[in-house]
Amino acid sequence: MRYTVSEIAKGMGAALLCGDPERTVSAWTFSSKEGNEDTMFVPMKGERVDAHDFIADAYAHGARVTTTERGEIVPGTEDMTYLAVADAREAWQRLGAYWRGKYASVPMIAVTGSVGKTTTKELTALALSPLGNVLKTSGNHNGQLGVPLMMAELSDDTDCAVIEMGMSLPGEMGRIAAVSKPDYAAITNIGLSHIGNLGSQEGIRREKLSIVNHLSEGGTLFVNGDDPLLRVLCPDCPDYAGTDGILMYPETRERFRTLKVVAYGAETWCRYRYRDEVLTEMAAEFVYEGPEATLMVTLPVSGHHNVSNATLAIAVAETMGAKAEQAAEALATYKPMSMRGGRENLPGGIILIDDTYNASPDSMRSGLDVLCAVSAKRHIAMLADMFEMGDHAEAGHRRVGRDAAERTVDVLITVGELSEAMADEAEKRAAELGRNMSIFRAKTREEGRDLLLPMLQEGDAVLLKGSRGMKLDEVAGAMRLRKM
């Protein structure tokens, strides 16, 4: 969409410092290194860098509109259009809420969870595709800067939207919810991701529940009935005892009085249910049961977590007006995104599962399940450090080590200092089980790569997984370039 500077200023609550109010903008950036004359630069203050210092650089790269908190024109950029704001982050989020308000009639589902947000978003967008043009979160635009950017993509041609919402700090989810103002919301699970910042799983749940703070009146919240911290929120659950004992922000508790909470999962009491799950190394099949339909669903990917996420996707589609049968047909075309657990057949008869985008103890377990479902001579797992776990780091890494030893993993390569505990626990548990499991420790991904590549043999299946900062995708790249 293309907007005039005057309308952007209105949405931001900004003042025109200088320049042409009728200049139009069709793209936005937070980097001074990208853009053109149709791009608006929005410099943010970070902990170590203040992007206002790079307005001249943004101008040199083509941007002709910028915000500023400093109230001054940078020399050499006098023909740039400046919008004065008190706080760029708040102004940007206010603009996102303005864009959402312009298209308030577009039905929107917001998706969050400790793990599986992106996959669930992709599956849900596919399931909703029979309704028409679906806007979905692109890339990693799921946070305080990215969600407003997605609101800029709403248009007259948008029939519905699926917005992924992530957070790592207290208060973040509520601010994002104020931008997107969803009609429906879904929480996939409460795991250990970001527990170092949020203190406990109850603290994580409180933050995730803030997704409903600006849910439309009478909106619907989907919760995972298989998750013990979420199932208790659903009135249909036998364990339900009201929400008074649940840790929530006051705004969230107030909103809970007006919304409808429904569950999806394997339990018979779930409104939307999966059963008769069959997992193969290439696919997942299950029976979906909803209020309007019971049908067989086939996904072209394996993994129990994908069955759960697909059940949610069909549930959302049914609730938003699509036919379950059409949603299931669309899901049959699903293809995993890059670094999200897709299976690749490499030269030399090697199977690679590249799940290097991020990691937590729960997603590690899912990744190991996918690996061990593959028919292979050897199952090799290279697992790297998981970040932002605070005081739970050692316990989380040890849990993954136990999970690896209790599955058919033949070779475990751990990467990083935190993963030393993973290797130690795997070694201990394998001995208890009498398993012959080879365990190697690497301090860096380069060291891990140099351990892995020479040992590869025809018929091996390899899982690569770790937190994004460990950059195991570079090991995946080396595997693809490996010469036989």
Protein backbone atom coordinates (compact mmCIF):
# COMPACT_ATOMS: atom_id res chain seq x y z
CA MET A 1 0.00 0.00 0.00
CA ARG A 2 1.08 3.57 -0.66
CA TYR A 3 0.47 6.28 1.94
CA THR A 4 1.08 10.03 1.95
CA VAL A 5 3.38 11.53 4.56
CA SER A 6 0.45 13.51 5.94
CA GLU A 7 -1.54 10.32 6.58
CA ILE A 8 1.49 8.63 8.12
CA ALA A 9 1.96 11.63 10.40
CA LYS A 10 -1.70 11.37 11.42
CA GLY A 11 -1.36 7.67 12.20
CA MET A 12 1.86 8.20 14.16
CA GLY A 13 0.77 11.29 15.99
CA ALA A 14 3.85 12.96 14.47
CA ALA A 15 4.56 16.55 13.46
CA LEU A 16 5.92 17.49 10.03
CA LEU A 17 9.35 18.98 10.72
CA CYS A 18 10.15 19.71 7.07
CA GLY A 19 9.47 18.42 3.57
CA ASP A 20 6.51 17.57 1.38
CA PRO A 21 3.41 16.24 3.21
CA GLU A 22 2.08 14.84 -0.08
CA ARG A 23 5.15 12.71 -0.77
CA THR A 24 4.12 9.07 -0.84
CA VAL A 25 5.71 6.05 0.86
CA SER A 26 5.22 2.37 0.04
CA ALA A 27 7.98 0.71 2.09
CA TRP A 28 9.48 1.05 5.56
CA THR A 29 12.88 0.11 6.95
CA PHE A 30 14.79 0.16 10.24
CA SER A 31 18.12 -0.31 8.46
CA SER A 32 20.02 2.59 6.96
CA LYS A 33 21.51 0.26 4.36
CA GLU A 34 18.35 -0.47 2.38
CA GLY A 35 15.60 1.48 0.67
CA ASN A 36 14.83 3.85 -2.19
CA GLU A 37 12.93 7.09 -2.75
CA ASP A 38 9.65 5.33 -1.83
CA THR A 39 11.07 4.10 1.49
CA MET A 40 10.64 5.66 4.91
CA PHE A 41 13.47 5.21 7.44
CA VAL A 42 12.34 4.72 11.05
CA PRO A 43 15.48 5.00 13.24
CA MET A 44 15.27 3.34 16.66
CA LYS A 45 17.37 3.75 19.78
CA GLY A 46 18.96 0.47 20.82
CA GLU A 47 20.95 -0.50 23.89
CA ARG A 48 24.25 0.06 22.08
CA VAL A 49 23.37 1.93 18.86
CA ASP A 50 21.13 4.88 18.12
CA ALA A 51 20.01 4.63 14.48
CA HIS A 52 19.47 8.41 14.40
CA ASP A 53 23.23 8.57 13.87
CA PHE A 54 22.67 6.92 10.47
CA ILE A 55 19.98 9.15 8.94
CA ALA A 56 22.55 10.54 6.50
CA ASP A 57 23.48 6.96 5.57
CA ALA A 58 19.80 6.11 4.96
CA TYR A 59 19.55 9.20 2.75
CA ALA A 60 22.63 8.07 0.80
CA HIS A 61 20.97 4.69 0.23
CA GLY A 62 17.85 6.34 -1.21
CA ALA A 63 15.40 6.97 1.65
CA ARG A 64 13.67 10.33 1.35
CA VAL A 65 11.44 10.24 4.45
CA THR A 66 12.48 9.68 8.06
CA THR A 67 11.24 10.05 11.60
CA THR A 68 13.40 11.74 14.21
CA GLU A 69 13.30 12.04 17.99
CA ARG A 70 15.96 14.77 17.91
CA GLY A 71 13.92 17.53 16.27
CA GLU A 72 16.76 18.54 13.94
CA ILE A 73 17.71 18.19 10.28
CA VAL A 74 20.93 16.29 9.56
CA PRO A 75 23.26 18.39 7.35
CA GLY A 76 23.24 17.20 3.75
CA THR A 77 19.69 15.80 3.95
CA GLU A 78 17.79 19.08 3.65
CA ASP A 79 15.50 17.77 0.88
CA MET A 80 14.47 14.81 3.04
CA THR A 81 11.01 14.85 4.63
CA TYR A 82 11.23 14.66 8.45
CA LEU A 83 8.51 13.62 10.91
CA ALA A 84 9.15 14.60 14.53
CA VAL A 85 8.15 11.99 17.13
CA ALA A 86 8.71 11.70 20.88
CA ASP A 87 9.36 7.95 20.79
CA ALA A 88 9.93 6.20 17.45
CA ARG A 89 8.94 2.74 18.72
CA GLU A 90 5.66 3.97 20.18
CA ALA A 91 4.92 6.06 17.09
CA TRP A 92 5.59 3.10 14.82
CA GLN A 93 3.26 0.88 16.83
CA ARG A 94 0.62 3.61 16.84
CA LEU A 95 0.89 3.70 13.05
CA GLY A 96 0.44 -0.07 12.89
CA ALA A 97 -2.73 0.22 14.98
CA TYR A 98 -3.93 2.99 12.63
CA TRP A 99 -3.45 0.73 9.61
CA ARG A 100 -5.28 -2.08 11.38
CA GLY A 101 -8.12 0.34 12.13
CA LYS A 102 -8.46 1.21 8.45
CA TYR A 103 -9.12 -2.48 7.74
CA ALA A 104 -10.91 -3.41 10.95
CA SER A 105 -13.39 -5.52 8.98
CA VAL A 106 -10.66 -7.97 7.89
CA PRO A 107 -10.94 -11.08 10.12
CA MET A 108 -7.63 -11.69 11.84
CA ILE A 109 -6.25 -14.68 13.78
CA ALA A 110 -3.20 -14.07 15.96
CA VAL A 111 -1.00 -17.09 16.72
CA THR A 112 1.50 -17.46 19.54
CA GLY A 113 3.17 -20.21 21.57
CA SER A 114 6.55 -21.20 22.93
CA VAL A 115 7.33 -23.37 19.91
CA GLY A 116 5.70 -23.99 16.54
CA LYS A 117 4.36 -20.48 15.89
CA THR A 118 5.69 -20.20 12.36
CA THR A 119 4.62 -23.68 11.28
CA THR A 120 1.17 -23.13 12.78
CA LYS A 121 0.90 -19.78 11.03
CA GLU A 122 1.79 -21.37 7.69
CA LEU A 123 -0.67 -24.25 8.17
CA THR A 124 -3.44 -21.90 9.27
CA ALA A 125 -2.91 -19.62 6.27
CA LEU A 126 -3.17 -22.66 3.99
CA ALA A 127 -6.32 -23.86 5.73
CA LEU A 128 -7.88 -20.41 5.29
CA SER A 129 -6.90 -20.13 1.61
CA PRO A 130 -10.35 -21.30 0.40
CA LEU A 131 -11.72 -18.01 1.79
CA GLY A 132 -9.67 -15.94 -0.66
CA ASN A 133 -6.61 -13.73 -0.29
CA VAL A 134 -4.86 -14.48 3.02
CA LEU A 135 -2.29 -12.09 4.46
CA LYS A 136 0.24 -13.95 6.61
CA THR A 137 3.30 -12.91 8.56
CA SER A 138 6.40 -12.97 6.41
CA GLY A 139 9.92 -13.69 7.61
CA ASN A 140 10.45 -12.96 11.29
CA HIS A 141 8.07 -10.00 11.43
CA ASN A 142 6.34 -11.22 14.58
CA GLY A 143 7.50 -8.70 17.17
CA GLN A 144 7.12 -5.08 18.22
CA LEU A 145 8.52 -3.80 14.93
CA GLY A 146 7.39 -6.59 12.61
CA VAL A 147 3.70 -6.77 13.51
CA PRO A 148 3.08 -3.09 12.60
CA LEU A 149 4.93 -3.77 9.34
CA MET A 150 2.43 -6.55 8.58
CA MET A 151 -0.46 -4.18 9.26
CA ALA A 152 0.93 -1.98 6.47
CA GLU A 153 0.23 -4.84 4.06
CA LEU A 154 -3.51 -4.93 4.74
CA SER A 155 -5.49 -3.80 1.71
CA ASP A 156 -8.91 -3.84 0.08
CA ASP A 157 -7.95 -7.19 -1.43
CA THR A 158 -7.25 -8.87 1.94
CA ASP A 159 -9.97 -11.38 2.84
CA CYS A 160 -8.43 -12.54 6.14
CA ALA A 161 -5.09 -12.46 7.96
CA VAL A 162 -2.92 -14.80 10.03
CA ILE A 163 -0.46 -12.90 12.20
CA GLU A 164 2.31 -14.60 14.16
CA MET A 165 3.08 -12.93 17.48
CA GLY A 166 6.26 -13.56 19.45
CA MET A 167 7.73 -12.07 22.59
CA SER A 168 10.69 -12.48 24.91
CA LEU A 169 10.12 -9.78 27.56
CA PRO A 170 7.32 -8.86 29.99
CA GLY A 171 4.72 -6.52 28.49
CA GLU A 172 5.70 -7.20 24.89
CA MET A 173 2.70 -9.31 23.90
CA GLY A 174 0.21 -6.75 25.15
CA ARG A 175 1.84 -4.02 23.07
CA ILE A 176 1.69 -6.18 19.95
CA ALA A 177 -1.94 -7.10 20.64
CA ALA A 178 -2.77 -3.38 20.81
CA VAL A 179 -1.44 -3.07 17.26
CA SER A 180 -3.09 -6.11 15.65
CA LYS A 181 -6.43 -6.12 17.54
CA PRO A 182 -7.23 -9.71 16.47
CA ASP A 183 -10.70 -11.25 16.24
CA TYR A 184 -9.38 -14.73 17.07
CA ALA A 185 -6.27 -15.83 18.96
CA ALA A 186 -4.49 -19.15 19.44
CA ILE A 187 -1.85 -20.36 21.89
CA THR A 188 -0.08 -23.55 20.81
CA ASN A 189 1.84 -24.41 23.98
CA ILE A 190 3.66 -23.11 27.05
CA GLY A 191 7.26 -24.30 27.01
CA LEU A 192 10.59 -23.00 28.29
CA SER A 193 11.52 -20.50 25.55
CA HIS A 194 12.55 -17.14 27.10
CA ILE A 195 12.05 -18.52 30.61
CA GLY A 196 15.22 -16.68 31.61
CA ASN A 197 13.40 -13.38 31.01
CA LEU A 198 9.96 -14.41 32.29
CA GLY A 199 10.91 -16.40 35.37
CA SER A 200 8.67 -19.45 35.17
CA GLN A 201 6.25 -21.27 32.89
CA GLU A 202 3.42 -19.49 34.72
CA GLY A 203 5.13 -16.20 33.85
CA ILE A 204 5.40 -17.30 30.22
CA ARG A 205 1.70 -18.21 30.24
CA ARG A 206 0.76 -14.83 31.69
CA GLU A 207 2.66 -13.09 28.90
CA LYS A 208 1.23 -15.33 26.16
CA LEU A 209 -2.30 -14.78 27.47
CA SER A 210 -1.86 -11.05 26.86
CA ILE A 211 -2.59 -11.88 23.22
CA VAL A 212 -6.26 -11.46 24.16
CA ASN A 213 -5.86 -7.99 25.72
CA HIS A 214 -7.26 -6.32 22.60
CA LEU A 215 -9.26 -9.25 21.21
CA SER A 216 -12.52 -8.08 19.68
CA GLU A 217 -15.57 -8.27 21.93
CA GLY A 218 -16.84 -11.85 22.03
CA GLY A 219 -13.70 -13.11 20.27
CA THR A 220 -12.45 -16.69 20.42
CA LEU A 221 -9.27 -18.02 22.04
CA PHE A 222 -8.05 -21.45 20.90
CA VAL A 223 -5.91 -23.32 23.44
CA ASN A 224 -4.03 -26.59 23.18
CA GLY A 225 -5.99 -29.13 25.22
CA ASP A 226 -2.91 -31.38 25.41
CA ASP A 227 -0.92 -28.70 27.26
CA PRO A 228 -1.42 -28.86 31.06
CA LEU A 229 -0.94 -25.10 31.48
CA LEU A 230 -3.48 -24.25 28.77
CA ARG A 231 -6.18 -26.90 29.11
CA VAL A 232 -7.21 -25.53 32.52
CA LEU A 233 -8.31 -22.29 30.85
CA CYS A 234 -11.08 -24.02 28.88
CA PRO A 235 -14.53 -24.41 30.52
CA ASP A 236 -14.97 -27.72 28.65
CA CYS A 237 -11.97 -29.23 30.46
CA PRO A 238 -12.66 -31.55 33.44
CA ASP A 239 -9.81 -29.75 35.27
CA TYR A 240 -11.35 -26.31 34.76
CA ALA A 241 -11.85 -24.42 38.02
CA GLY A 242 -12.24 -20.88 36.72
CA THR A 243 -9.45 -18.40 36.07
CA ASP A 244 -9.16 -16.78 39.52
CA GLY A 245 -6.16 -18.94 40.36
CA ILE A 246 -4.40 -18.27 37.05
CA LEU A 247 -1.61 -15.67 36.96
CA MET A 248 -2.80 -12.94 34.56
CA TYR A 249 -2.39 -9.24 34.00
CA PRO A 250 -5.52 -7.30 35.15
CA GLU A 251 -6.33 -6.29 31.55
CA THR A 252 -6.16 -9.93 30.47
CA ARG A 253 -8.45 -11.07 33.29
CA GLU A 254 -10.98 -8.43 32.36
CA ARG A 255 -10.93 -9.54 28.71
CA PHE A 256 -11.37 -13.20 29.72
CA ARG A 257 -14.84 -12.33 30.99
CA THR A 258 -15.98 -11.55 27.45
CA LEU A 259 -14.25 -14.11 25.25
CA LYS A 260 -14.96 -17.71 24.28
CA VAL A 261 -12.26 -20.29 25.05
CA VAL A 262 -12.22 -23.53 23.05
CA ALA A 263 -9.68 -26.34 22.98
CA TYR A 264 -8.13 -28.54 20.33
CA GLY A 265 -6.24 -31.74 21.02
CA ALA A 266 -6.46 -35.49 21.54
CA GLU A 267 -8.78 -35.46 24.56
CA THR A 268 -12.41 -36.43 23.99
CA TRP A 269 -13.64 -33.23 25.63
CA CYS A 270 -11.79 -31.00 23.12
CA ARG A 271 -14.10 -29.11 20.77
CA TYR A 272 -11.71 -29.84 17.89
CA ARG A 273 -10.04 -33.23 18.13
CA TYR A 274 -7.49 -35.42 16.36
CA ARG A 275 -7.39 -39.20 16.71
CA ASP A 276 -6.01 -42.32 15.03
CA GLU A 277 -2.70 -40.61 14.33
CA VAL A 278 -0.29 -42.48 12.04
CA LEU A 279 3.23 -41.12 11.52
CA THR A 280 5.56 -42.29 8.79
CA GLU A 281 8.92 -40.84 7.83
CA MET A 282 7.35 -38.80 5.02
CA ALA A 283 3.83 -38.00 6.22
CA ALA A 284 1.32 -37.74 9.04
CA GLU A 285 -2.25 -39.00 8.86
CA PHE A 286 -5.03 -38.50 11.39
CA VAL A 287 -8.77 -38.20 11.77
CA TYR A 288 -10.03 -34.69 12.47
CA GLU A 289 -13.28 -34.30 14.43
CA GLY A 290 -14.96 -30.91 14.61
CA PRO A 291 -18.50 -29.66 15.23
CA GLU A 292 -19.21 -29.60 11.49
CA ALA A 293 -17.12 -32.44 10.07
CA THR A 294 -15.16 -35.64 10.66
CA LEU A 295 -12.55 -36.43 8.04
CA MET A 296 -9.18 -38.00 7.30
CA VAL A 297 -6.29 -35.55 6.96
CA THR A 298 -2.93 -36.24 5.33
CA LEU A 299 0.06 -33.96 5.78
CA PRO A 300 3.16 -34.36 3.58
CA VAL A 301 5.39 -34.01 6.67
CA SER A 302 5.85 -36.18 9.74
CA GLY A 303 5.82 -35.31 13.43
CA HIS A 304 3.21 -35.40 16.17
CA HIS A 305 3.55 -31.64 16.61
CA ASN A 306 2.41 -31.15 13.02
CA VAL A 307 -0.74 -33.18 13.70
CA SER A 308 -1.58 -30.91 16.63
CA ASN A 309 -0.83 -27.74 14.65
CA ALA A 310 -2.87 -28.93 11.66
CA THR A 311 -5.84 -29.66 13.94
CA LEU A 312 -5.70 -26.06 15.14
CA ALA A 313 -5.44 -24.82 11.55
CA ILE A 314 -8.61 -26.65 10.50
CA ALA A 315 -10.38 -25.55 13.68
CA VAL A 316 -9.59 -21.92 12.91
CA ALA A 317 -10.68 -22.35 9.30
CA GLU A 318 -14.02 -23.86 10.35
CA THR A 319 -14.60 -21.07 12.87
CA MET A 320 -13.77 -18.36 10.33
CA GLY A 321 -16.11 -19.78 7.69
CA ALA A 322 -14.15 -22.25 5.58
CA LYS A 323 -15.19 -25.85 5.04
CA ALA A 324 -13.09 -28.41 6.91
CA GLU A 325 -12.81 -30.54 3.78
CA GLN A 326 -11.40 -27.64 1.76
CA ALA A 327 -9.01 -26.73 4.57
CA ALA A 328 -7.72 -30.32 4.69
CA GLU A 329 -7.20 -30.38 0.93
CA ALA A 330 -5.14 -27.20 1.20
CA LEU A 331 -3.02 -28.65 4.02
CA ALA A 332 -2.06 -31.56 1.78
CA THR A 333 0.07 -29.06 -0.21
CA TYR A 334 2.11 -27.89 2.79
CA LYS A 335 5.88 -27.50 2.39
CA PRO A 336 8.12 -26.66 5.39
CA MET A 337 9.95 -23.33 5.35
CA SER A 338 13.72 -23.13 5.18
CA MET A 339 15.49 -24.19 8.40
CA ARG A 340 12.16 -25.37 9.87
CA GLY A 341 12.62 -29.14 9.83
CA GLY A 342 12.30 -29.88 6.14
CA ARG A 343 13.77 -33.13 4.87
CA GLU A 344 16.42 -33.07 2.13
CA ASN A 345 18.03 -35.95 0.25
CA LEU A 346 21.71 -35.07 -0.22
CA PRO A 347 24.24 -36.70 -2.54
CA GLY A 348 25.76 -39.86 -1.15
CA GLY A 349 22.50 -41.15 0.28
CA ILE A 350 22.43 -38.74 3.23
CA ILE A 351 19.14 -37.42 4.64
CA LEU A 352 19.33 -33.95 6.21
CA ILE A 353 16.71 -32.50 8.55
CA ASP A 354 17.60 -28.81 8.76
CA ASP A 355 15.81 -27.44 11.83
CA THR A 356 18.36 -24.76 12.61
CA TYR A 357 16.12 -21.69 12.95
CA ASN A 358 15.72 -21.95 16.72
CA ALA A 359 15.45 -24.38 19.61
CA SER A 360 13.93 -25.08 23.02
CA PRO A 361 13.69 -28.32 25.00
CA ASP A 362 10.20 -28.99 23.58
CA SER A 363 11.14 -28.36 19.97
CA MET A 364 14.33 -30.41 20.42
CA ARG A 365 12.18 -33.36 21.49
CA SER A 366 9.94 -32.91 18.44
CA GLY A 367 12.98 -32.72 16.18
CA LEU A 368 14.40 -35.92 17.65
CA ASP A 369 11.06 -37.66 17.07
CA VAL A 370 11.10 -36.62 13.41
CA LEU A 371 14.71 -37.80 13.03
CA CYS A 372 14.04 -41.19 14.60
CA ALA A 373 10.97 -41.76 12.41
CA VAL A 374 13.26 -41.78 9.35
CA SER A 375 14.39 -45.15 8.05
CA ALA A 376 18.18 -44.90 8.25
CA LYS A 377 21.27 -46.93 8.99
CA ARG A 378 22.26 -44.38 11.61
CA HIS A 379 20.41 -41.50 13.27
CA ILE A 380 22.83 -38.63 13.92
CA ALA A 381 21.80 -35.57 15.96
CA MET A 382 23.92 -32.43 16.13
CA LEU A 383 22.34 -30.33 18.87
CA ALA A 384 23.61 -26.92 19.95
CA ASP A 385 23.05 -24.55 22.86
CA MET A 386 19.57 -23.23 23.66
CA PHE A 387 19.58 -19.59 24.78
CA GLU A 388 17.42 -17.39 27.06
CA MET A 389 16.76 -20.14 29.59
CA GLY A 390 18.30 -18.42 32.60
CA ASP A 391 18.44 -20.59 35.71
CA HIS A 392 16.67 -23.39 33.80
CA ALA A 393 19.49 -23.78 31.26
CA GLU A 394 21.24 -26.78 32.79
CA ALA A 395 18.00 -28.67 33.51
CA GLY A 396 16.71 -27.96 30.00
CA HIS A 397 19.88 -29.18 28.31
CA ARG A 398 19.97 -32.27 30.50
CA ARG A 399 16.38 -33.06 29.57
CA VAL A 400 17.29 -32.98 25.89
CA GLY A 401 20.23 -35.29 26.59
CA ARG A 402 17.86 -37.79 28.20
CA ASP A 403 15.44 -37.48 25.29
CA ALA A 404 18.23 -38.27 22.82
CA ALA A 405 19.40 -41.31 24.79
CA GLU A 406 15.85 -42.65 25.10
CA ARG A 407 15.34 -42.57 21.35
CA THR A 408 17.13 -44.36 18.53
CA VAL A 409 19.87 -41.74 18.22
CA ASP A 410 23.12 -43.53 17.32
CA VAL A 411 25.43 -40.51 17.31
CA LEU A 412 25.03 -37.32 19.33
CA ILE A 413 27.24 -34.30 18.68
CA THR A 414 26.70 -31.42 21.09
CA VAL A 415 27.88 -27.92 20.24
CA GLY A 416 28.59 -25.19 22.78
CA GLU A 417 29.28 -24.80 26.48
CA LEU A 418 25.67 -25.14 27.65
CA SER A 419 25.34 -28.39 25.74
CA GLU A 420 28.09 -30.03 27.80
CA ALA A 421 25.28 -30.85 30.27
CA MET A 422 23.29 -32.38 27.41
CA ALA A 423 26.17 -34.68 26.51
CA ASP A 424 26.75 -35.62 30.15
CA GLU A 425 23.11 -36.55 30.69
CA ALA A 426 22.89 -38.47 27.41
CA GLU A 427 25.98 -40.44 28.39
CA LYS A 428 24.51 -41.23 31.82
CA ARG A 429 21.07 -42.23 30.51
CA ALA A 430 22.48 -44.34 27.66
CA ALA A 431 24.56 -46.28 30.21
CA GLU A 432 21.47 -46.86 32.35
CA LEU A 433 19.62 -48.21 29.32
CA GLY A 434 22.59 -50.27 28.11
CA ARG A 435 22.60 -48.38 24.80
CA ASN A 436 25.65 -48.19 22.56
CA MET A 437 25.48 -44.48 21.73
CA SER A 438 28.43 -42.46 20.41
CA ILE A 439 28.65 -39.01 22.00
CA PHE A 440 30.98 -36.20 20.88
CA ARG A 441 31.42 -32.72 22.33
CA ALA A 442 32.32 -29.66 20.25
CA LYS A 443 32.92 -26.17 21.55
CA THR A 444 32.08 -24.42 18.26
CA ARG A 445 29.99 -25.12 15.17
CA GLU A 446 33.21 -25.30 13.13
CA GLU A 447 34.53 -28.00 15.42
CA GLY A 448 31.18 -29.79 15.21
CA ARG A 449 31.21 -29.54 11.41
CA ASP A 450 34.70 -31.04 11.29
CA LEU A 451 33.52 -33.92 13.47
CA LEU A 452 30.37 -34.55 11.45
CA LEU A 453 31.44 -34.40 7.82
CA PRO A 454 34.14 -37.13 7.89
CA MET A 455 31.87 -39.58 9.71
CA LEU A 456 28.94 -39.38 7.27
CA GLN A 457 28.05 -42.60 5.47
CA GLU A 458 25.43 -43.64 2.96
CA GLY A 459 22.14 -44.24 4.71
CA ASP A 460 22.70 -41.73 7.53
CA ALA A 461 19.94 -39.37 8.65
CA VAL A 462 21.15 -36.15 10.31
CA LEU A 463 19.24 -33.65 12.45
CA LEU A 464 20.76 -30.19 12.95
CA LYS A 465 19.12 -28.07 15.64
CA GLY A 466 20.07 -25.26 18.02
CA SER A 467 19.30 -21.67 18.89
CA ARG A 468 19.59 -19.26 15.99
CA GLY A 469 22.70 -17.66 17.42
CA MET A 470 24.57 -20.97 17.19
CA LYS A 471 24.28 -20.77 13.37
CA LEU A 472 24.08 -24.47 12.64
CA ASP A 473 22.64 -23.51 9.25
CA GLU A 474 26.28 -23.02 8.27
CA VAL A 475 26.86 -26.71 9.02
CA ALA A 476 23.82 -27.54 6.88
CA GLY A 477 25.38 -25.50 4.07
CA ALA A 478 28.65 -27.41 4.43
CA MET A 479 26.75 -30.70 4.21
CA ARG A 480 25.09 -29.61 0.96
CA LEU A 481 28.47 -28.69 -0.53
CA ARG A 482 30.20 -31.83 0.71
CA LYS A 483 31.97 -33.73 -2.03
CA MET A 484 31.64 -37.50 -2.11
